[in-house]
Amino acid sequence: MATYSMRGLFDFILFILDQEQDDTLWELWLAKDVKDDFKTFKKKRMKAIRKKKVKSLSVEQEKVINNANSRFIKPREGGENE
């Protein structure tokens, strides 16, 4: 792992997670009495997973989060063009 760049490590982790998700779907497909082939079953399940709605934050919630996180951000002297 020490030889990976940050991007390479991130890609590797995503690959592992995708493989784990495929394995889980495969086991689910085998265990259930499904008329669809695995490819169709996987496509339907992935579509359902991606459809989950993300709740929007209110302006007040955004301000609270920004204020809480601003203590970790230290602006650089002189702005961005340094």
C-alpha atoms as a PDB file:
ATOM      1  CA  MET A   1       0.000   0.000   0.000  1.00  0.00           C
ATOM      2  CA  ALA A   2       2.940   2.338   0.545  1.00  0.00           C
ATOM      3  CA  THR A   3       3.683   2.245  -3.195  1.00  0.00           C
ATOM      4  CA  TYR A   4       0.238   3.557  -4.163  1.00  0.00           C
ATOM      5  CA  SER A   5      -0.362   7.211  -4.881  1.00  0.00           C
ATOM      6  CA  MET A   6      -3.393   8.703  -3.175  1.00  0.00           C
ATOM      7  CA  ARG A   7      -5.379   8.431  -6.415  1.00  0.00           C
ATOM      8  CA  GLY A   8      -4.214   4.863  -6.969  1.00  0.00           C
ATOM      9  CA  LEU A   9      -5.142   3.925  -3.425  1.00  0.00           C
ATOM     10  CA  PHE A  10      -8.557   5.542  -3.795  1.00  0.00           C
ATOM     11  CA  ASP A  11      -9.152   3.680  -7.086  1.00  0.00           C
ATOM     12  CA  PHE A  12      -8.080   0.417  -5.456  1.00  0.00           C
ATOM     13  CA  ILE A  13     -10.474   0.924  -2.530  1.00  0.00           C
ATOM     14  CA  LEU A  14     -13.343   1.697  -4.918  1.00  0.00           C
ATOM     15  CA  PHE A  15     -12.500  -1.426  -6.921  1.00  0.00           C
ATOM     16  CA  ILE A  16     -12.596  -3.561  -3.765  1.00  0.00           C
ATOM     17  CA  LEU A  17     -15.926  -2.040  -2.709  1.00  0.00           C
ATOM     18  CA  ASP A  18     -17.402  -2.681  -6.167  1.00  0.00           C
ATOM     19  CA  GLN A  19     -16.235  -6.291  -6.035  1.00  0.00           C
ATOM     20  CA  GLU A  20     -17.734  -6.750  -2.583  1.00  0.00           C
ATOM     21  CA  GLN A  21     -21.042  -5.290  -3.783  1.00  0.00           C
ATOM     22  CA  ASP A  22     -21.024  -7.626  -6.813  1.00  0.00           C
ATOM     23  CA  ASP A  23     -20.373 -10.608  -4.553  1.00  0.00           C
ATOM     24  CA  THR A  24     -23.232  -9.614  -2.268  1.00  0.00           C
ATOM     25  CA  LEU A  25     -25.628  -9.193  -5.202  1.00  0.00           C
ATOM     26  CA  TRP A  26     -24.492 -12.537  -6.651  1.00  0.00           C
ATOM     27  CA  GLU A  27     -25.207 -14.317  -3.358  1.00  0.00           C
ATOM     28  CA  LEU A  28     -28.582 -12.590  -3.105  1.00  0.00           C
ATOM     29  CA  TRP A  29     -29.452 -13.592  -6.673  1.00  0.00           C
ATOM     30  CA  LEU A  30     -28.506 -17.201  -5.978  1.00  0.00           C
ATOM     31  CA  ALA A  31     -30.546 -17.313  -2.769  1.00  0.00           C
ATOM     32  CA  LYS A  32     -33.725 -15.827  -4.246  1.00  0.00           C
ATOM     33  CA  ASP A  33     -36.054 -17.317  -6.810  1.00  0.00           C
ATOM     34  CA  VAL A  34     -35.613 -14.628  -9.465  1.00  0.00           C
ATOM     35  CA  LYS A  35     -36.708 -14.985 -13.082  1.00  0.00           C
ATOM     36  CA  ASP A  36     -34.234 -12.381 -14.342  1.00  0.00           C
ATOM     37  CA  ASP A  37     -30.684 -13.293 -15.258  1.00  0.00           C
ATOM     38  CA  PHE A  38     -27.951 -11.944 -12.992  1.00  0.00           C
ATOM     39  CA  LYS A  39     -27.086  -9.016 -15.276  1.00  0.00           C
ATOM     40  CA  THR A  40     -30.698  -7.766 -15.317  1.00  0.00           C
ATOM     41  CA  PHE A  41     -31.107  -8.377 -11.577  1.00  0.00           C
ATOM     42  CA  LYS A  42     -27.925  -6.415 -10.836  1.00  0.00           C
ATOM     43  CA  LYS A  43     -28.973  -3.553 -13.106  1.00  0.00           C
ATOM     44  CA  LYS A  44     -32.354  -3.235 -11.353  1.00  0.00           C
ATOM     45  CA  ARG A  45     -30.797  -3.375  -7.873  1.00  0.00           C
ATOM     46  CA  MET A  46     -28.120  -0.811  -8.714  1.00  0.00           C
ATOM     47  CA  LYS A  47     -30.756   1.514 -10.145  1.00  0.00           C
ATOM     48  CA  ALA A  48     -32.773   1.223  -6.924  1.00  0.00           C
ATOM     49  CA  ILE A  49     -29.682   1.929  -4.812  1.00  0.00           C
ATOM     50  CA  ARG A  50     -28.769   5.023  -6.830  1.00  0.00           C
ATOM     51  CA  LYS A  51     -32.326   6.409  -6.630  1.00  0.00           C
ATOM     52  CA  LYS A  52     -32.116   7.049  -2.895  1.00  0.00           C
ATOM     53  CA  LYS A  53     -33.024  10.663  -2.352  1.00  0.00           C
ATOM     54  CA  VAL A  54     -30.638  13.013  -0.648  1.00  0.00           C
ATOM     55  CA  LYS A  55     -32.330  15.470   1.650  1.00  0.00           C
ATOM     56  CA  SER A  56     -31.355  19.091   1.039  1.00  0.00           C
ATOM     57  CA  LEU A  57     -30.112  21.174   3.912  1.00  0.00           C
ATOM     58  CA  SER A  58     -31.780  24.366   4.970  1.00  0.00           C
ATOM     59  CA  VAL A  59     -29.837  27.623   4.899  1.00  0.00           C
ATOM     60  CA  GLU A  60     -29.639  27.565   8.703  1.00  0.00           C
ATOM     61  CA  GLN A  61     -28.285  23.995   8.718  1.00  0.00           C
ATOM     62  CA  GLU A  62     -25.650  24.977   6.145  1.00  0.00           C
ATOM     63  CA  LYS A  63     -24.579  27.933   8.298  1.00  0.00           C
ATOM     64  CA  VAL A  64     -24.254  25.739  11.397  1.00  0.00           C
ATOM     65  CA  ILE A  65     -22.160  23.186   9.501  1.00  0.00           C
ATOM     66  CA  ASN A  66     -19.986  25.881   7.886  1.00  0.00           C
ATOM     67  CA  ASN A  67     -19.374  27.571  11.232  1.00  0.00           C
ATOM     68  CA  ALA A  68     -18.461  24.264  12.868  1.00  0.00           C
ATOM     69  CA  ASN A  69     -16.077  23.352  10.044  1.00  0.00           C
ATOM     70  CA  SER A  70     -14.507  26.804   9.693  1.00  0.00           C
ATOM     71  CA  ARG A  71     -12.432  26.215  12.819  1.00  0.00           C
ATOM     72  CA  PHE A  72     -10.435  23.624  10.831  1.00  0.00           C
ATOM     73  CA  ILE A  73      -9.759  25.911   7.861  1.00  0.00           C
ATOM     74  CA  LYS A  74      -6.886  28.332   8.088  1.00  0.00           C
ATOM     75  CA  PRO A  75      -6.829  30.941   5.287  1.00  0.00           C
ATOM     76  CA  ARG A  76      -3.470  31.582   3.660  1.00  0.00           C
ATOM     77  CA  GLU A  77      -1.870  34.992   3.902  1.00  0.00           C
ATOM     78  CA  GLY A  78      -2.291  37.050   0.741  1.00  0.00           C
ATOM     79  CA  GLY A  79      -5.119  35.080  -0.840  1.00  0.00           C
ATOM     80  CA  GLU A  80      -5.136  32.488  -3.616  1.00  0.00           C
ATOM     81  CA  ASN A  81      -2.710  34.110  -6.058  1.00  0.00           C
ATOM     82  CA  GLU A  82       0.425  33.648  -4.003  1.00  0.00           C
END
